[in-house]
N, C-alpha and C. Protein backbone atom coordinates (compact mmCIF):
# COMPACT_ATOMS: atom_id res chain seq x y z
N MET A 1 -14.59 -81.43 -66.14
CA MET A 1 -14.56 -82.79 -65.76
C MET A 1 -15.19 -82.51 -64.18
N THR A 2 -16.04 -84.20 -63.91
CA THR A 2 -16.79 -84.11 -63.24
C THR A 2 -15.73 -84.82 -62.08
N VAL A 3 -15.77 -84.66 -60.88
CA VAL A 3 -15.16 -85.42 -59.46
C VAL A 3 -16.57 -86.32 -58.82
N LYS A 4 -16.22 -87.77 -58.75
CA LYS A 4 -17.63 -88.43 -58.18
C LYS A 4 -16.87 -88.71 -56.81
N ARG A 5 -17.38 -88.55 -56.16
CA ARG A 5 -17.19 -89.30 -54.72
C ARG A 5 -17.98 -90.33 -53.99
N LYS A 6 -17.64 -91.61 -53.35
CA LYS A 6 -18.32 -92.50 -53.13
C LYS A 6 -18.77 -92.35 -51.40
N VAL A 7 -19.71 -92.35 -50.75
CA VAL A 7 -20.24 -92.10 -49.77
C VAL A 7 -20.71 -93.77 -49.15
N LYS A 8 -20.20 -94.14 -48.10
CA LYS A 8 -20.83 -95.45 -47.56
C LYS A 8 -21.87 -94.88 -46.58
N PHE A 9 -23.09 -95.37 -46.69
CA PHE A 9 -24.15 -95.51 -45.85
C PHE A 9 -24.66 -96.89 -45.26
N GLU A 10 -24.57 -96.63 -44.23
CA GLU A 10 -24.80 -97.81 -42.82
C GLU A 10 -26.40 -98.44 -43.27
N GLY A 11 -26.32 -99.08 -43.50
CA GLY A 11 -27.78 -99.67 -43.96
C GLY A 11 -28.47 -98.93 -45.11
N VAL A 12 -29.83 -98.40 -44.71
CA VAL A 12 -30.38 -98.27 -46.28
C VAL A 12 -30.49 -96.62 -46.14
N PRO A 13 -30.16 -96.12 -47.58
CA PRO A 13 -29.93 -94.77 -47.20
C PRO A 13 -30.76 -94.15 -46.93
N TYR A 14 -30.50 -92.82 -46.21
CA TYR A 14 -31.45 -91.80 -45.63
C TYR A 14 -32.51 -91.03 -46.65
N GLU A 15 -33.70 -91.25 -46.75
CA GLU A 15 -34.62 -90.60 -47.92
C GLU A 15 -34.92 -89.03 -47.47
N GLY A 16 -34.83 -88.94 -46.38
CA GLY A 16 -35.13 -87.69 -45.93
C GLY A 16 -33.99 -86.47 -46.57
N ASN A 17 -34.40 -85.34 -45.85
CA ASN A 17 -33.78 -83.86 -46.50
C ASN A 17 -32.68 -83.92 -45.16
N LEU A 18 -31.77 -84.13 -46.03
CA LEU A 18 -30.14 -84.00 -45.01
C LEU A 18 -30.54 -82.87 -44.29
N GLU A 19 -30.14 -81.52 -45.62
CA GLU A 19 -30.19 -80.47 -44.65
C GLU A 19 -31.10 -80.02 -43.50
N GLU A 20 -32.39 -80.47 -43.92
CA GLU A 20 -33.50 -80.10 -43.08
C GLU A 20 -33.01 -80.82 -41.46
N LEU A 21 -32.48 -82.16 -41.34
CA LEU A 21 -31.75 -82.64 -40.35
C LEU A 21 -30.73 -82.46 -39.77
N ILE A 22 -30.11 -81.22 -40.52
CA ILE A 22 -28.75 -80.12 -39.66
C ILE A 22 -29.40 -79.39 -39.55
N ILE A 23 -30.43 -78.74 -39.88
CA ILE A 23 -30.83 -77.09 -39.32
C ILE A 23 -31.45 -77.88 -38.04
N GLN A 24 -32.43 -78.99 -38.00
CA GLN A 24 -32.92 -79.12 -36.78
C GLN A 24 -32.06 -79.36 -35.51
N ALA A 25 -30.86 -80.40 -35.84
CA ALA A 25 -29.56 -80.67 -34.57
C ALA A 25 -29.21 -79.19 -34.47
N LEU A 26 -29.20 -78.07 -35.17
CA LEU A 26 -28.64 -76.70 -34.92
C LEU A 26 -29.44 -76.07 -34.16
N LEU A 27 -30.96 -75.88 -34.77
CA LEU A 27 -31.93 -75.45 -33.68
C LEU A 27 -31.88 -76.05 -32.35
N GLU A 28 -31.69 -77.16 -32.21
CA GLU A 28 -31.74 -78.00 -31.03
C GLU A 28 -30.77 -77.57 -30.11
N LYS A 29 -30.08 -77.30 -30.42
CA LYS A 29 -28.47 -76.95 -29.84
C LYS A 29 -28.19 -75.63 -29.62
N GLN A 30 -29.18 -74.55 -29.86
CA GLN A 30 -29.60 -73.03 -29.96
C GLN A 30 -28.32 -72.35 -30.66
N GLY A 31 -28.20 -73.13 -32.01
CA GLY A 31 -27.45 -72.48 -32.65
C GLY A 31 -28.04 -70.93 -33.28
N VAL A 32 -27.05 -70.02 -33.47
CA VAL A 32 -27.70 -68.48 -33.73
C VAL A 32 -27.20 -68.13 -35.23
N ASP A 33 -28.35 -67.38 -35.94
CA ASP A 33 -28.09 -66.68 -37.40
C ASP A 33 -28.23 -68.00 -37.74
N ILE A 34 -28.75 -68.95 -37.95
CA ILE A 34 -28.87 -70.37 -38.84
C ILE A 34 -29.63 -69.64 -40.74
N HIS A 35 -28.75 -70.09 -41.34
CA HIS A 35 -28.98 -69.51 -42.81
C HIS A 35 -28.53 -70.96 -43.86
N CYS A 36 -29.51 -71.26 -44.35
CA CYS A 36 -29.38 -72.09 -45.62
C CYS A 36 -29.22 -71.63 -46.83
N VAL A 37 -28.37 -71.58 -47.63
CA VAL A 37 -28.23 -71.00 -49.30
C VAL A 37 -28.19 -72.24 -49.63
N ASN A 38 -29.68 -72.17 -51.17
CA ASN A 38 -29.84 -73.26 -51.52
C ASN A 38 -28.93 -72.79 -53.03
N LEU A 39 -27.91 -73.60 -53.70
CA LEU A 39 -26.97 -73.51 -54.59
C LEU A 39 -26.97 -74.21 -55.98
N LYS A 40 -28.62 -74.86 -55.77
CA LYS A 40 -28.47 -76.16 -56.87
C LYS A 40 -28.95 -75.45 -58.32
N LYS A 41 -29.27 -74.13 -58.51
CA LYS A 41 -29.43 -73.35 -59.75
C LYS A 41 -28.18 -72.69 -60.19
N ILE A 42 -27.33 -73.02 -59.22
CA ILE A 42 -26.10 -72.27 -59.72
C ILE A 42 -24.99 -73.32 -60.50
N ASN A 43 -24.42 -72.90 -61.40
CA ASN A 43 -24.18 -73.74 -62.21
C ASN A 43 -22.52 -73.96 -61.85
N HIS A 44 -22.01 -75.21 -62.06
CA HIS A 44 -21.06 -75.57 -61.39
C HIS A 44 -20.23 -75.71 -59.75
N ALA A 45 -21.66 -75.71 -59.33
CA ALA A 45 -21.09 -75.42 -57.90
C ALA A 45 -21.09 -76.75 -57.16
N TYR A 46 -20.23 -76.86 -56.43
CA TYR A 46 -19.49 -78.36 -55.79
C TYR A 46 -20.56 -79.02 -54.71
N PHE A 47 -21.81 -78.23 -54.76
CA PHE A 47 -22.73 -78.75 -53.02
C PHE A 47 -24.05 -78.35 -53.54
N ASP A 48 -24.81 -78.76 -52.94
CA ASP A 48 -26.33 -77.79 -53.03
C ASP A 48 -26.95 -76.84 -52.33
N TYR A 49 -26.32 -77.30 -51.24
CA TYR A 49 -26.63 -75.91 -49.68
C TYR A 49 -25.42 -75.94 -49.06
N PHE A 50 -25.22 -74.68 -48.95
CA PHE A 50 -24.23 -73.87 -47.91
C PHE A 50 -25.32 -73.72 -46.54
N ILE A 51 -24.95 -74.31 -45.36
CA ILE A 51 -25.24 -74.12 -44.12
C ILE A 51 -24.65 -73.16 -43.54
N VAL A 52 -24.94 -72.35 -42.78
CA VAL A 52 -23.87 -71.43 -41.65
C VAL A 52 -25.01 -71.27 -40.61
N CYS A 53 -24.34 -71.26 -39.26
CA CYS A 53 -24.54 -71.39 -38.03
C CYS A 53 -23.66 -70.39 -37.34
N THR A 54 -24.08 -69.75 -36.42
CA THR A 54 -23.06 -69.15 -35.60
C THR A 54 -23.10 -69.51 -34.17
N GLY A 55 -22.01 -70.12 -33.71
CA GLY A 55 -21.97 -70.08 -32.56
C GLY A 55 -21.89 -69.59 -31.29
N THR A 56 -21.77 -69.25 -29.99
CA THR A 56 -21.72 -68.01 -29.21
C THR A 56 -20.26 -68.16 -28.33
N SER A 57 -19.54 -69.49 -28.45
CA SER A 57 -18.38 -69.54 -28.06
C SER A 57 -17.74 -70.81 -28.43
N LYS A 58 -16.54 -71.05 -28.25
CA LYS A 58 -15.54 -72.18 -28.75
C LYS A 58 -16.29 -73.49 -28.21
N PRO A 59 -17.01 -73.30 -27.04
CA PRO A 59 -17.46 -74.85 -26.40
C PRO A 59 -18.73 -75.16 -26.95
N HIS A 60 -19.92 -73.79 -27.33
CA HIS A 60 -21.02 -73.81 -28.16
C HIS A 60 -20.50 -74.25 -29.80
N VAL A 61 -19.30 -74.01 -30.21
CA VAL A 61 -19.33 -74.71 -31.75
C VAL A 61 -18.79 -75.65 -31.56
N GLU A 62 -18.15 -76.34 -30.68
CA GLU A 62 -17.90 -77.52 -30.63
C GLU A 62 -19.23 -78.70 -30.21
N THR A 63 -20.46 -77.98 -29.28
CA THR A 63 -21.00 -78.62 -29.14
C THR A 63 -22.31 -78.80 -30.51
N LEU A 64 -22.16 -77.80 -31.01
CA LEU A 64 -22.93 -77.63 -32.43
C LEU A 64 -22.50 -78.90 -33.50
N CYS A 65 -21.10 -78.90 -33.43
CA CYS A 65 -20.76 -79.91 -34.43
C CYS A 65 -20.75 -81.06 -34.00
N ASP A 66 -20.47 -81.52 -32.53
CA ASP A 66 -20.86 -82.76 -32.09
C ASP A 66 -21.75 -83.07 -32.34
N PHE A 67 -23.22 -82.46 -32.12
CA PHE A 67 -24.41 -82.68 -32.29
C PHE A 67 -24.95 -82.92 -33.55
N VAL A 68 -24.69 -82.11 -34.67
CA VAL A 68 -25.07 -82.20 -35.67
C VAL A 68 -24.39 -83.63 -36.30
N GLN A 69 -23.06 -84.21 -36.13
CA GLN A 69 -22.36 -85.46 -36.45
C GLN A 69 -23.09 -86.36 -36.06
N GLU A 70 -23.75 -86.28 -34.58
CA GLU A 70 -24.49 -87.37 -34.09
C GLU A 70 -25.31 -87.68 -35.05
N GLN A 71 -26.40 -86.60 -34.57
CA GLN A 71 -27.46 -86.99 -35.77
C GLN A 71 -27.54 -87.21 -36.59
N THR A 72 -26.50 -86.78 -37.70
CA THR A 72 -26.12 -87.29 -39.72
C THR A 72 -26.10 -88.60 -39.07
N GLN A 73 -25.60 -89.36 -37.96
CA GLN A 73 -24.94 -90.57 -38.11
C GLN A 73 -26.10 -91.42 -37.60
N ARG A 74 -26.95 -91.13 -36.52
CA ARG A 74 -28.16 -91.84 -36.04
C ARG A 74 -28.84 -91.58 -36.87
N VAL A 75 -29.80 -90.76 -37.09
CA VAL A 75 -30.73 -90.41 -38.29
C VAL A 75 -30.98 -91.09 -39.86
N ALA A 76 -29.79 -90.31 -40.58
CA ALA A 76 -29.52 -90.79 -41.78
C ALA A 76 -28.55 -91.95 -42.01
N GLY A 77 -27.58 -92.42 -40.92
CA GLY A 77 -26.40 -93.28 -41.41
C GLY A 77 -25.63 -92.60 -41.95
N VAL A 78 -24.57 -91.46 -41.97
CA VAL A 78 -23.93 -90.65 -42.70
C VAL A 78 -22.88 -89.97 -41.98
N LYS A 79 -21.89 -89.70 -42.35
CA LYS A 79 -20.94 -89.31 -41.53
C LYS A 79 -20.78 -88.08 -42.78
N PRO A 80 -19.66 -87.08 -41.93
CA PRO A 80 -19.41 -86.22 -42.66
C PRO A 80 -17.84 -86.44 -43.73
N LEU A 81 -18.07 -86.03 -44.99
CA LEU A 81 -16.98 -87.03 -45.66
C LEU A 81 -15.33 -85.72 -45.26
N HIS A 82 -15.77 -85.22 -44.84
CA HIS A 82 -14.48 -84.14 -44.36
C HIS A 82 -14.73 -82.96 -43.38
N VAL A 83 -14.37 -82.84 -42.25
CA VAL A 83 -14.29 -81.94 -41.02
C VAL A 83 -12.72 -81.12 -40.87
N GLU A 84 -13.38 -79.99 -40.82
CA GLU A 84 -11.98 -78.99 -40.80
C GLU A 84 -12.27 -78.31 -39.63
N GLY A 85 -11.03 -77.74 -39.12
CA GLY A 85 -11.18 -76.78 -38.01
C GLY A 85 -11.54 -76.70 -36.53
N LEU A 86 -11.45 -78.25 -36.28
CA LEU A 86 -11.89 -78.58 -35.06
C LEU A 86 -11.03 -77.91 -33.86
N GLU A 87 -9.76 -77.87 -34.48
CA GLU A 87 -8.38 -77.23 -33.64
C GLU A 87 -8.81 -76.18 -32.85
N ASN A 88 -8.97 -75.31 -33.42
CA ASN A 88 -9.42 -74.26 -32.61
C ASN A 88 -10.68 -73.81 -32.55
N LYS A 89 -11.54 -74.11 -33.24
CA LYS A 89 -13.13 -74.45 -33.06
C LYS A 89 -13.22 -72.94 -33.29
N GLU A 90 -12.78 -72.01 -34.26
CA GLU A 90 -13.40 -70.88 -34.52
C GLU A 90 -13.73 -70.71 -35.87
N TRP A 91 -13.50 -71.72 -36.75
CA TRP A 91 -14.08 -71.53 -37.94
C TRP A 91 -14.94 -73.47 -37.88
N VAL A 92 -15.52 -74.15 -37.96
CA VAL A 92 -15.21 -75.43 -38.01
C VAL A 92 -16.32 -75.81 -39.60
N LEU A 93 -16.13 -76.73 -40.45
CA LEU A 93 -16.50 -76.75 -41.62
C LEU A 93 -16.92 -78.85 -41.68
N LEU A 94 -18.06 -78.82 -42.08
CA LEU A 94 -18.51 -80.44 -42.19
C LEU A 94 -18.82 -80.46 -43.30
N ASP A 95 -18.37 -81.47 -43.99
CA ASP A 95 -18.51 -81.49 -45.68
C ASP A 95 -19.58 -83.02 -45.85
N TYR A 96 -21.16 -82.89 -46.35
CA TYR A 96 -21.87 -83.85 -46.52
C TYR A 96 -21.98 -84.16 -47.73
N LEU A 97 -20.93 -84.32 -48.74
CA LEU A 97 -21.12 -84.44 -50.36
C LEU A 97 -21.56 -83.53 -50.98
N ASN A 98 -23.30 -83.38 -50.70
CA ASN A 98 -23.78 -81.90 -51.31
C ASN A 98 -24.18 -80.85 -50.70
N ILE A 99 -23.67 -80.89 -49.19
CA ILE A 99 -24.34 -80.10 -48.24
C ILE A 99 -22.95 -79.45 -47.27
N ILE A 100 -22.49 -78.41 -47.11
CA ILE A 100 -21.76 -77.73 -46.55
C ILE A 100 -22.01 -76.92 -45.43
N SER A 101 -21.55 -77.49 -44.20
CA SER A 101 -22.57 -77.02 -42.52
C SER A 101 -20.85 -76.10 -42.18
N SER A 102 -21.32 -74.53 -41.96
CA SER A 102 -19.92 -74.27 -41.15
C SER A 102 -20.56 -73.66 -40.09
N ASN A 103 -19.75 -73.35 -39.06
CA ASN A 103 -20.04 -73.12 -37.67
C ASN A 103 -18.91 -72.05 -37.09
N PRO A 104 -19.25 -70.47 -37.83
CA PRO A 104 -18.41 -69.74 -37.10
C PRO A 104 -18.71 -69.55 -35.77
N PHE A 105 -17.70 -69.18 -34.83
CA PHE A 105 -17.02 -68.48 -33.78
C PHE A 105 -17.89 -67.12 -33.44
N GLY A 106 -18.88 -66.85 -32.33
CA GLY A 106 -18.92 -65.98 -32.10
C GLY A 106 -20.20 -65.33 -33.12
N ALA A 107 -19.95 -63.81 -33.59
CA ALA A 107 -21.05 -63.07 -34.32
C ALA A 107 -19.51 -62.82 -35.71
N MET A 108 -18.90 -63.51 -35.73
CA MET A 108 -17.92 -63.25 -36.77
C MET A 108 -18.12 -63.00 -38.02
N LEU A 109 -19.48 -63.79 -38.23
CA LEU A 109 -19.99 -63.63 -39.48
C LEU A 109 -21.22 -63.36 -39.77
N ARG A 110 -21.96 -62.43 -40.19
CA ARG A 110 -23.10 -61.94 -40.11
C ARG A 110 -24.04 -62.23 -41.59
N CYS A 111 -23.51 -63.00 -42.39
CA CYS A 111 -23.80 -63.61 -43.61
C CYS A 111 -24.96 -62.54 -44.91
N ARG A 112 -24.18 -61.28 -43.98
CA ARG A 112 -24.86 -59.82 -44.98
C ARG A 112 -24.74 -60.32 -46.70
N SER A 113 -23.65 -61.31 -47.00
CA SER A 113 -23.09 -61.01 -48.24
C SER A 113 -24.39 -62.35 -49.09
N PHE A 114 -25.11 -63.11 -47.81
CA PHE A 114 -26.10 -64.05 -48.17
C PHE A 114 -27.89 -63.83 -48.63
N GLU A 115 -27.95 -62.26 -48.42
CA GLU A 115 -29.47 -61.99 -48.33
C GLU A 115 -29.77 -61.65 -49.69
N GLY A 116 -30.88 -62.59 -49.94
CA GLY A 116 -31.32 -62.33 -51.31
C GLY A 116 -31.36 -63.83 -51.81
N ARG A 117 -29.96 -64.56 -51.63
CA ARG A 117 -29.83 -65.79 -52.03
C ARG A 117 -30.05 -66.88 -51.31
N GLY A 118 -30.11 -66.79 -49.52
CA GLY A 118 -30.50 -68.10 -48.80
C GLY A 118 -31.58 -67.65 -48.09
N SER A 119 -31.73 -68.58 -47.42
CA SER A 119 -33.28 -68.31 -46.25
C SER A 119 -32.86 -68.27 -44.82
N ARG A 120 -33.13 -67.34 -44.07
CA ARG A 120 -33.00 -67.40 -42.29
C ARG A 120 -34.14 -68.14 -41.73
N VAL A 121 -33.42 -69.32 -40.95
CA VAL A 121 -33.91 -70.48 -40.55
C VAL A 121 -35.14 -69.42 -39.04
N LYS A 122 -36.67 -69.78 -39.74
CA LYS A 122 -37.67 -69.34 -38.45
C LYS A 122 -37.46 -70.16 -37.30
N GLY A 123 -37.66 -69.60 -36.00
CA GLY A 123 -38.03 -70.04 -34.81
C GLY A 123 -36.63 -70.01 -34.31
N GLN A 124 -35.43 -69.61 -34.84
CA GLN A 124 -34.57 -69.71 -34.03
C GLN A 124 -34.35 -68.33 -32.72
N GLY A 125 -33.72 -68.10 -31.97
CA GLY A 125 -33.05 -67.44 -31.07
C GLY A 125 -32.13 -66.47 -31.87
N ASN A 126 -31.93 -65.45 -32.85
CA ASN A 126 -31.24 -64.76 -33.29
C ASN A 126 -30.67 -63.42 -32.59
N ARG A 127 -29.68 -63.41 -32.24
CA ARG A 127 -29.20 -62.10 -31.66
C ARG A 127 -29.08 -61.26 -32.83
N GLU A 128 -29.58 -59.98 -32.38
CA GLU A 128 -29.26 -58.70 -33.19
C GLU A 128 -28.02 -57.66 -33.26
């Protein structure tokens, strides 16, 4: 059974790549260990892309989330359908229908399980 969700666009629907817009916003605010996992070829996946980014502190995670939401609203005219984890800011999830963006606190998630499936974003200040 397919679940259809309606998205309200303000103005003209965004024609660009929303995942690239999100990644650029994360890079601009110094997100660390940014990975974009393409799930389009996986059967029964609920979304097309999974973007993971590490924040260095709780205020940094809040800044990353706020800026991603501001950029997607301003440039693409879309808001996340669901936001989770803003209370403690240790793990924040932004759901953009076909893209999930998550921002773990600190180096909690090193994305080792995604090696070979996703791509690390070039040009970022990654900590090792």
